[in-house]
Amino acid sequence: QVQLAESGGGLVQAGGSLTLACAASGSIFGRNAMGWYRQAPGKERDMVAVFTSGGPVNYVDSVKGRFTCSRDNAKNVVYLQMNTLKSEDTAVYYCNLLDYNTGRRYWGQGTQVTVSS
């Protein structure tokens, strides 16, 4: 089992910044992908940024140039630095880990990000 614990959400004005963090613990072995998804009210959960194992970070087009996803492999922590936030970034942000060996996908509990205009 893998547990994901997110932190760093909150309320921010448009144009501001927030940093989210996700710490993974438990049975983490081998190659995996960690990253962030978000779900706005009434919408589906969509990928924001995913740090692939040994590969580049994949970003959704709407956050390119504004968000930066980074990973501390030694600590199993993934970060999402969000700059120049817009009202359309308002959503619940979920941390995700995909275990390539088992094919299992794990989710954090979610953290609310609200951007006021």
C-alpha atoms as a PDB file:
ATOM      1  CA  GLN A   1       0.000   0.000   0.000  1.00  0.00           C
ATOM      2  CA  VAL A   2       1.002   3.571  -0.704  1.00  0.00           C
ATOM      3  CA  GLN A   3      -0.185   6.624   1.180  1.00  0.00           C
ATOM      4  CA  LEU A   4      -0.097  10.125  -0.256  1.00  0.00           C
ATOM      5  CA  ALA A   5      -0.339  13.209   1.944  1.00  0.00           C
ATOM      6  CA  GLU A   6      -0.874  16.606   0.328  1.00  0.00           C
ATOM      7  CA  SER A   7      -0.340  20.024   1.810  1.00  0.00           C
ATOM      8  CA  GLY A   8      -0.164  23.644   0.734  1.00  0.00           C
ATOM      9  CA  GLY A   9      -3.573  24.483  -0.653  1.00  0.00           C
ATOM     10  CA  GLY A  10      -5.470  27.628   0.244  1.00  0.00           C
ATOM     11  CA  LEU A  11      -6.982  30.887  -0.906  1.00  0.00           C
ATOM     12  CA  VAL A  12      -4.955  33.265  -3.040  1.00  0.00           C
ATOM     13  CA  GLN A  13      -5.668  36.278  -5.197  1.00  0.00           C
ATOM     14  CA  ALA A  14      -5.332  36.103  -8.943  1.00  0.00           C
ATOM     15  CA  GLY A  15      -1.728  36.601  -9.960  1.00  0.00           C
ATOM     16  CA  GLY A  16      -0.461  35.086  -6.730  1.00  0.00           C
ATOM     17  CA  SER A  17       1.463  31.919  -6.023  1.00  0.00           C
ATOM     18  CA  LEU A  18       1.062  28.708  -4.049  1.00  0.00           C
ATOM     19  CA  THR A  19       3.188  25.628  -3.613  1.00  0.00           C
ATOM     20  CA  LEU A  20       1.678  22.204  -3.075  1.00  0.00           C
ATOM     21  CA  ALA A  21       3.594  19.271  -1.661  1.00  0.00           C
ATOM     22  CA  CYS A  22       2.816  15.572  -1.667  1.00  0.00           C
ATOM     23  CA  ALA A  23       4.686  13.070   0.461  1.00  0.00           C
ATOM     24  CA  ALA A  24       4.455   9.410  -0.465  1.00  0.00           C
ATOM     25  CA  SER A  25       4.972   6.625   2.041  1.00  0.00           C
ATOM     26  CA  GLY A  26       4.496   2.890   2.165  1.00  0.00           C
ATOM     27  CA  SER A  27       5.439   0.216  -0.340  1.00  0.00           C
ATOM     28  CA  ILE A  28       7.123   2.242  -3.042  1.00  0.00           C
ATOM     29  CA  PHE A  29       9.430   0.151  -5.168  1.00  0.00           C
ATOM     30  CA  GLY A  30      10.735   0.465  -8.656  1.00  0.00           C
ATOM     31  CA  ARG A  31       9.572   2.796 -11.357  1.00  0.00           C
ATOM     32  CA  ASN A  32       6.595   5.029 -10.831  1.00  0.00           C
ATOM     33  CA  ALA A  33       5.091   8.287 -11.952  1.00  0.00           C
ATOM     34  CA  MET A  34       4.001  10.964  -9.508  1.00  0.00           C
ATOM     35  CA  GLY A  35       2.155  14.120 -10.209  1.00  0.00           C
ATOM     36  CA  TRP A  36      -0.879  16.283  -9.837  1.00  0.00           C
ATOM     37  CA  TYR A  37      -4.436  16.237 -11.103  1.00  0.00           C
ATOM     38  CA  ARG A  38      -7.236  18.684 -10.400  1.00  0.00           C
ATOM     39  CA  GLN A  39     -10.987  18.643 -10.367  1.00  0.00           C
ATOM     40  CA  ALA A  40     -13.094  21.773 -10.612  1.00  0.00           C
ATOM     41  CA  PRO A  41     -16.754  21.750  -9.552  1.00  0.00           C
ATOM     42  CA  GLY A  42     -18.880  19.923 -12.084  1.00  0.00           C
ATOM     43  CA  LYS A  43     -15.890  18.838 -14.138  1.00  0.00           C
ATOM     44  CA  GLU A  44     -13.819  15.706 -14.537  1.00  0.00           C
ATOM     45  CA  ARG A  45     -10.486  15.160 -12.869  1.00  0.00           C
ATOM     46  CA  ASP A  46      -7.737  16.170 -15.276  1.00  0.00           C
ATOM     47  CA  MET A  47      -3.984  15.906 -15.320  1.00  0.00           C
ATOM     48  CA  VAL A  48      -2.047  19.040 -14.396  1.00  0.00           C
ATOM     49  CA  ALA A  49       1.556  17.851 -14.253  1.00  0.00           C
ATOM     50  CA  VAL A  50       3.093  14.411 -13.992  1.00  0.00           C
ATOM     51  CA  PHE A  51       6.702  13.631 -13.223  1.00  0.00           C
ATOM     52  CA  THR A  52       7.437  10.401 -15.057  1.00  0.00           C
ATOM     53  CA  SER A  53      10.060   7.950 -13.843  1.00  0.00           C
ATOM     54  CA  GLY A  54      13.286   8.887 -15.574  1.00  0.00           C
ATOM     55  CA  GLY A  55      11.496  11.166 -17.982  1.00  0.00           C
ATOM     56  CA  PRO A  56      10.395  14.777 -18.328  1.00  0.00           C
ATOM     57  CA  VAL A  57       7.458  16.412 -16.631  1.00  0.00           C
ATOM     58  CA  ASN A  58       4.285  16.464 -18.695  1.00  0.00           C
ATOM     59  CA  TYR A  59       2.132  19.566 -18.246  1.00  0.00           C
ATOM     60  CA  VAL A  60      -1.342  20.387 -19.438  1.00  0.00           C
ATOM     61  CA  ASP A  61      -1.131  23.259 -21.892  1.00  0.00           C
ATOM     62  CA  SER A  62      -3.072  25.671 -19.696  1.00  0.00           C
ATOM     63  CA  VAL A  63      -0.391  25.686 -16.981  1.00  0.00           C
ATOM     64  CA  LYS A  64       2.770  25.635 -19.079  1.00  0.00           C
ATOM     65  CA  GLY A  65       5.035  28.513 -18.150  1.00  0.00           C
ATOM     66  CA  ARG A  66       3.179  29.110 -14.887  1.00  0.00           C
ATOM     67  CA  PHE A  67       3.424  25.828 -12.953  1.00  0.00           C
ATOM     68  CA  THR A  68       6.543  23.841 -12.154  1.00  0.00           C
ATOM     69  CA  CYS A  69       6.469  20.256 -10.932  1.00  0.00           C
ATOM     70  CA  SER A  70       9.536  18.922  -9.163  1.00  0.00           C
ATOM     71  CA  ARG A  71      10.394  15.779  -7.276  1.00  0.00           C
ATOM     72  CA  ASP A  72      12.694  14.795  -4.456  1.00  0.00           C
ATOM     73  CA  ASN A  73      13.276  11.103  -5.111  1.00  0.00           C
ATOM     74  CA  ALA A  74      15.186  10.569  -1.881  1.00  0.00           C
ATOM     75  CA  LYS A  75      12.214  11.774   0.150  1.00  0.00           C
ATOM     76  CA  ASN A  76       9.451  10.589  -2.211  1.00  0.00           C
ATOM     77  CA  VAL A  77       8.010  14.088  -2.291  1.00  0.00           C
ATOM     78  CA  VAL A  78       6.593  15.850  -5.325  1.00  0.00           C
ATOM     79  CA  TYR A  79       5.961  19.580  -5.443  1.00  0.00           C
ATOM     80  CA  LEU A  80       3.815  21.824  -7.583  1.00  0.00           C
ATOM     81  CA  GLN A  81       4.904  25.438  -7.682  1.00  0.00           C
ATOM     82  CA  MET A  82       2.021  27.483  -9.048  1.00  0.00           C
ATOM     83  CA  ASN A  83       2.643  31.046 -10.197  1.00  0.00           C
ATOM     84  CA  THR A  84       0.460  33.663 -11.850  1.00  0.00           C
ATOM     85  CA  LEU A  85      -2.633  31.849 -10.651  1.00  0.00           C
ATOM     86  CA  LYS A  86      -5.908  32.444 -12.433  1.00  0.00           C
ATOM     87  CA  SER A  87      -9.495  31.984 -11.304  1.00  0.00           C
ATOM     88  CA  GLU A  88      -9.775  29.019 -13.659  1.00  0.00           C
ATOM     89  CA  ASP A  89      -7.090  27.251 -11.617  1.00  0.00           C
ATOM     90  CA  THR A  90      -9.585  26.949  -8.773  1.00  0.00           C
ATOM     91  CA  ALA A  91     -10.067  23.251  -8.061  1.00  0.00           C
ATOM     92  CA  VAL A  92      -9.320  20.435  -5.688  1.00  0.00           C
ATOM     93  CA  TYR A  93      -5.785  19.288  -6.445  1.00  0.00           C
ATOM     94  CA  TYR A  94      -4.983  15.606  -6.036  1.00  0.00           C
ATOM     95  CA  CYS A  95      -1.622  13.946  -5.781  1.00  0.00           C
ATOM     96  CA  ASN A  96      -1.279  10.752  -7.778  1.00  0.00           C
ATOM     97  CA  LEU A  97       1.192   7.897  -7.938  1.00  0.00           C
ATOM     98  CA  LEU A  98       1.149   5.247 -10.635  1.00  0.00           C
ATOM     99  CA  ASP A  99       3.155   2.127  -9.830  1.00  0.00           C
ATOM    100  CA  TYR A 100       4.477   0.817 -13.154  1.00  0.00           C
ATOM    101  CA  ASN A 101       5.160  -2.620 -11.706  1.00  0.00           C
ATOM    102  CA  THR A 102       1.677  -3.344 -10.408  1.00  0.00           C
ATOM    103  CA  GLY A 103      -0.353  -0.928 -12.502  1.00  0.00           C
ATOM    104  CA  ARG A 104      -2.002   0.387  -9.366  1.00  0.00           C
ATOM    105  CA  ARG A 105      -2.859   4.054  -9.083  1.00  0.00           C
ATOM    106  CA  TYR A 106      -2.982   5.813  -5.737  1.00  0.00           C
ATOM    107  CA  TRP A 107      -4.626   9.132  -4.828  1.00  0.00           C
ATOM    108  CA  GLY A 108      -4.208  11.626  -2.034  1.00  0.00           C
ATOM    109  CA  GLN A 109      -7.168  13.104  -0.203  1.00  0.00           C
ATOM    110  CA  GLY A 110      -7.042  16.323  -2.199  1.00  0.00           C
ATOM    111  CA  THR A 111      -6.300  19.908  -1.264  1.00  0.00           C
ATOM    112  CA  GLN A 112      -8.451  22.892  -2.195  1.00  0.00           C
ATOM    113  CA  VAL A 113      -6.952  25.733  -4.190  1.00  0.00           C
ATOM    114  CA  THR A 114      -9.156  28.785  -4.568  1.00  0.00           C
ATOM    115  CA  VAL A 115      -8.102  31.744  -6.681  1.00  0.00           C
ATOM    116  CA  SER A 116     -10.118  34.904  -6.192  1.00  0.00           C
ATOM    117  CA  SER A 117     -10.379  37.399  -9.011  1.00  0.00           C
END
